[in-house]
Protein backbone atom coordinates (compact mmCIF):
# COMPACT_ATOMS: atom_id res chain seq x y z
CA UNK A 1 55.52 -3.76 64.05
CA UNK A 2 59.15 -5.20 64.17
CA UNK A 3 61.48 -2.29 63.43
CA UNK A 4 65.13 -2.68 63.29
CA UNK A 5 67.01 0.38 64.55
CA UNK A 6 68.42 1.24 61.25
CA UNK A 7 64.92 1.73 59.73
CA UNK A 8 62.96 3.36 62.70
CA UNK A 9 61.48 6.80 61.93
CA UNK A 10 60.48 9.06 64.83
CA UNK A 11 60.18 12.52 63.24
CA UNK A 12 56.49 13.57 63.72
CA UNK A 13 56.51 15.94 60.83
CA UNK A 14 58.08 13.35 58.33
CA UNK A 15 55.36 10.77 59.45
CA UNK A 16 52.62 13.25 59.10
CA UNK A 17 53.75 14.13 55.44
CA UNK A 18 53.98 10.39 54.68
CA UNK A 19 50.57 9.67 55.89
CA UNK A 20 49.04 12.68 54.00
CA UNK A 21 50.66 11.31 50.80
CA UNK A 22 49.66 7.75 51.30
CA UNK A 23 46.27 8.22 53.03
CA UNK A 24 44.52 5.18 51.46
CA UNK A 25 44.97 3.03 54.64
CA UNK A 26 43.80 -0.08 56.24
CA UNK A 27 41.95 -0.25 59.54
CA UNK A 28 42.09 -3.38 61.47
CA UNK A 29 39.72 -4.42 64.41
CA UNK A 30 38.80 -7.56 66.10
CA UNK A 31 35.28 -9.20 65.64
CA UNK A 32 34.56 -12.42 67.67
CA UNK A 33 38.30 -13.02 68.31
CA UNK A 34 39.02 -12.80 64.54
CA UNK A 35 40.79 -9.76 62.81
CA UNK A 36 38.72 -7.89 60.31
CA UNK A 37 39.91 -5.20 57.95
CA UNK A 38 38.76 -2.21 55.57
CA UNK A 39 40.61 -0.47 53.01
CA UNK A 40 39.66 3.19 52.97
CA UNK A 41 40.74 6.82 52.17
CA UNK A 42 41.60 8.52 55.43
CA UNK A 43 42.69 11.77 56.74
CA UNK A 44 45.11 12.85 59.72
CA UNK A 45 44.03 16.05 61.46
CA UNK A 46 45.27 17.82 64.57
CA UNK A 47 42.83 19.21 67.23
CA UNK A 48 44.37 20.95 70.16
CA UNK A 49 47.29 18.74 71.13
CA UNK A 50 45.73 15.41 69.82
CA UNK A 51 45.98 14.09 66.38
CA UNK A 52 42.97 12.07 64.82
CA UNK A 53 42.56 9.79 61.78
CA UNK A 54 39.14 10.37 60.11
CA UNK A 55 37.27 8.66 57.48
CA UNK A 56 33.91 6.85 56.57
CA UNK A 57 32.83 3.36 55.45
CA UNK A 58 29.55 2.03 54.14
CA UNK A 59 26.78 1.66 56.71
CA UNK A 60 26.68 -2.10 55.75
CA UNK A 61 30.29 -2.45 56.69
CA UNK A 62 30.06 -4.66 60.08
CA UNK A 63 33.56 -3.28 61.00
CA UNK A 64 32.17 0.18 62.39
CA UNK A 65 30.20 -1.76 65.07
CA UNK A 66 33.41 -3.23 66.40
CA UNK A 67 34.82 0.19 67.32
CA UNK A 68 33.09 0.47 70.84
CA UNK A 69 34.36 -2.86 71.99
CA UNK A 70 37.94 -2.34 70.67
CA UNK A 71 40.78 -1.04 73.25
CA UNK A 72 42.79 -0.14 70.22
CA UNK A 73 42.18 0.11 66.60
CA UNK A 74 45.03 -0.49 64.20
CA UNK A 75 45.47 1.74 60.92
CA UNK A 76 48.17 0.98 58.48
CA UNK A 77 49.57 3.00 55.75
CA UNK A 78 52.02 1.87 53.10
CA UNK A 79 54.17 3.69 50.61
CA UNK A 80 56.35 2.30 47.76
CA UNK A 81 57.97 -1.14 48.11
CA UNK A 82 60.46 -2.90 45.87
CA UNK A 83 62.54 -6.16 45.58
CA UNK A 84 66.20 -5.41 46.05
CA UNK A 85 68.54 -7.84 44.51
CA UNK A 86 71.73 -8.83 46.01
CA UNK A 87 73.50 -8.71 42.60
CA UNK A 88 73.55 -4.93 43.08
CA UNK A 89 75.92 -5.06 46.00
CA UNK A 90 79.63 -5.04 45.95
CA UNK A 91 79.83 -7.97 48.06
CA UNK A 92 77.96 -11.47 48.57
CA UNK A 93 74.64 -11.19 50.26
CA UNK A 94 71.09 -12.21 50.08
CA UNK A 95 68.16 -10.26 48.31
CA UNK A 96 65.79 -8.25 50.51
CA UNK A 97 62.72 -6.02 50.09
CA UNK A 98 62.63 -2.11 50.79
CA UNK A 99 59.39 -0.49 51.76
CA UNK A 100 57.73 2.28 54.03
CA UNK A 101 54.96 1.59 56.49
CA UNK A 102 53.45 3.37 59.37
CA UNK A 103 51.07 1.78 62.02
CA UNK A 104 48.91 3.85 64.06
CA UNK A 105 46.93 2.74 67.25
CA UNK A 106 44.19 4.59 68.73
CA UNK A 107 40.64 4.67 70.23
CA UNK A 108 37.76 4.84 67.58
CA UNK A 109 34.30 6.68 67.96
CA UNK A 110 31.60 7.62 65.64
CA UNK A 111 31.35 11.14 64.02
CA UNK A 112 28.14 12.92 64.42
CA UNK A 113 26.30 14.06 61.27
CA UNK A 114 27.82 17.49 61.33
CA UNK A 115 31.53 16.16 62.00
CA UNK A 116 31.02 13.69 59.06
CA UNK A 117 29.98 16.65 56.74
CA UNK A 118 33.04 18.62 57.59
CA UNK A 119 35.24 15.66 57.06
CA UNK A 120 33.62 15.10 53.64
CA UNK A 121 34.11 18.76 52.83
CA UNK A 122 37.78 18.45 53.54
CA UNK A 123 38.20 15.21 51.70
CA UNK A 124 36.56 16.72 48.45
CA UNK A 125 38.62 19.70 48.81
CA UNK A 126 41.88 17.70 49.03
CA UNK A 127 41.06 15.36 46.11
CA UNK A 128 39.05 17.73 43.90
CA UNK A 129 40.51 21.31 44.08
CA UNK A 130 43.17 20.96 41.52
CA UNK A 131 40.89 19.43 38.90
CA UNK A 132 39.47 21.07 35.94
CA UNK A 133 35.80 20.66 36.88
CA UNK A 134 35.96 20.03 40.70
CA UNK A 135 33.16 18.30 42.42
CA UNK A 136 33.22 20.16 45.71
CA UNK A 137 30.63 20.05 48.47
CA UNK A 138 28.69 23.23 47.69
CA UNK A 139 28.22 21.84 44.08
CA UNK A 140 26.38 18.69 45.20
CA UNK A 141 22.51 18.80 45.45
CA UNK A 142 20.90 18.53 49.03
CA UNK A 143 19.00 15.57 47.71
CA UNK A 144 22.21 13.70 46.70
CA UNK A 145 23.81 14.55 49.88
CA UNK A 146 21.09 13.32 52.14
CA UNK A 147 20.61 10.20 50.32
CA UNK A 148 24.50 9.51 50.29
CA UNK A 149 24.89 10.32 54.12
CA UNK A 150 22.30 7.72 55.15
CA UNK A 151 24.61 5.10 53.47
CA UNK A 152 27.72 5.82 55.32
CA UNK A 153 29.32 5.98 59.02
CA UNK A 154 31.88 8.57 59.91
CA UNK A 155 34.65 7.82 62.34
CA UNK A 156 37.47 9.28 64.19
CA UNK A 157 40.40 7.48 65.82
CA UNK A 158 42.38 9.33 68.44
CA UNK A 159 46.00 8.49 67.80
CA UNK A 160 47.70 7.03 70.76
CA UNK A 161 50.83 5.41 69.38
CA UNK A 162 52.56 5.51 66.09
CA UNK A 163 55.29 3.17 64.64
CA UNK A 164 57.19 3.87 61.47
CA UNK A 165 59.45 2.05 59.49
CA UNK A 166 61.36 3.17 56.33
CA UNK A 167 63.77 0.23 55.22
CA UNK A 168 65.58 2.07 52.35
CA UNK A 169 68.96 0.54 52.42
CA UNK A 170 70.28 2.70 55.13
CA UNK A 171 72.36 -0.08 56.18
CA UNK A 172 74.42 -0.08 53.00
CA UNK A 173 77.52 1.64 52.11
CA UNK A 174 77.25 4.76 49.88
CA UNK A 175 78.44 2.85 46.62
CA UNK A 176 75.98 0.03 47.11
CA UNK A 177 73.17 2.60 47.84
CA UNK A 178 73.55 4.77 44.83
CA UNK A 179 73.75 1.53 42.79
CA UNK A 180 70.64 0.31 44.11
CA UNK A 181 68.87 3.66 43.43
CA UNK A 182 70.29 3.38 39.82
CA UNK A 183 69.12 -0.29 39.31
CA UNK A 184 65.60 0.57 40.70
CA UNK A 185 65.31 3.46 38.20
CA UNK A 186 65.70 1.00 35.52
CA UNK A 187 63.31 -1.52 36.55
CA UNK A 188 59.95 -1.85 34.87
CA UNK A 189 57.70 -1.90 37.86
CA UNK A 190 56.22 1.47 39.03
CA UNK A 191 56.65 0.71 42.44
CA UNK A 192 60.45 0.12 41.96
CA UNK A 193 60.88 3.43 40.13
CA UNK A 194 58.91 5.14 43.00
CA UNK A 195 61.22 3.49 45.48
CA UNK A 196 64.25 4.82 43.60
CA UNK A 197 62.66 8.46 43.98
CA UNK A 198 62.15 7.99 47.76
CA UNK A 199 65.77 6.77 48.17
CA UNK A 200 67.30 9.49 46.05
CA UNK A 201 65.29 12.05 47.95
CA UNK A 202 66.80 10.78 51.16
CA UNK A 203 70.33 11.23 49.85
CA UNK A 204 69.39 14.86 48.98
CA UNK A 205 68.01 15.50 52.44
CA UNK A 206 70.58 13.81 54.41
CA UNK A 207 73.73 14.07 52.31
CA UNK A 208 74.57 10.23 52.28
CA UNK A 209 73.12 6.72 52.94
CA UNK A 210 73.92 6.77 56.61
């Protein structure tokens, strides 16, 4: 991923938090010299000194069969993104687009049944525990679990390289930056309002737009 120096992110904890909050990712592999992709809910876990991305896909999805032949699997995570009008600057310029994206490269392998069960237990816990009537693993019937497990394939990707880009108008002066945040708040698109929150949080954490 091309990342200008203004927008490069290297803080591991910050990237981990981003991936956990934007965990619906895209997995890209190669099949017969052609890129193929799947869009899936994923998790980032640490085991020993290594990080792993885990998840599952339908047994009928041919992508899991490409894992063995791929030297590197690419996983992409994306956060809010928004159009930035150059009319929001105090000087003449061209429009641009703000975004957050993380690319992870690693080696993929298939989970055994017990590993898959543990991953599903954690996934249900993450997305169900706060609900009024949570559907947790221990509430599912053995018959349903056995049936559903036959229809999916679990996998893990050992993280080898991480590339992260947060293009949040860091290269603008403070006045322009704050005006961009204000204008984004006034936009109708949800993604623009989300970007405004991300940019405002950045100012609160770092003190200014530099």
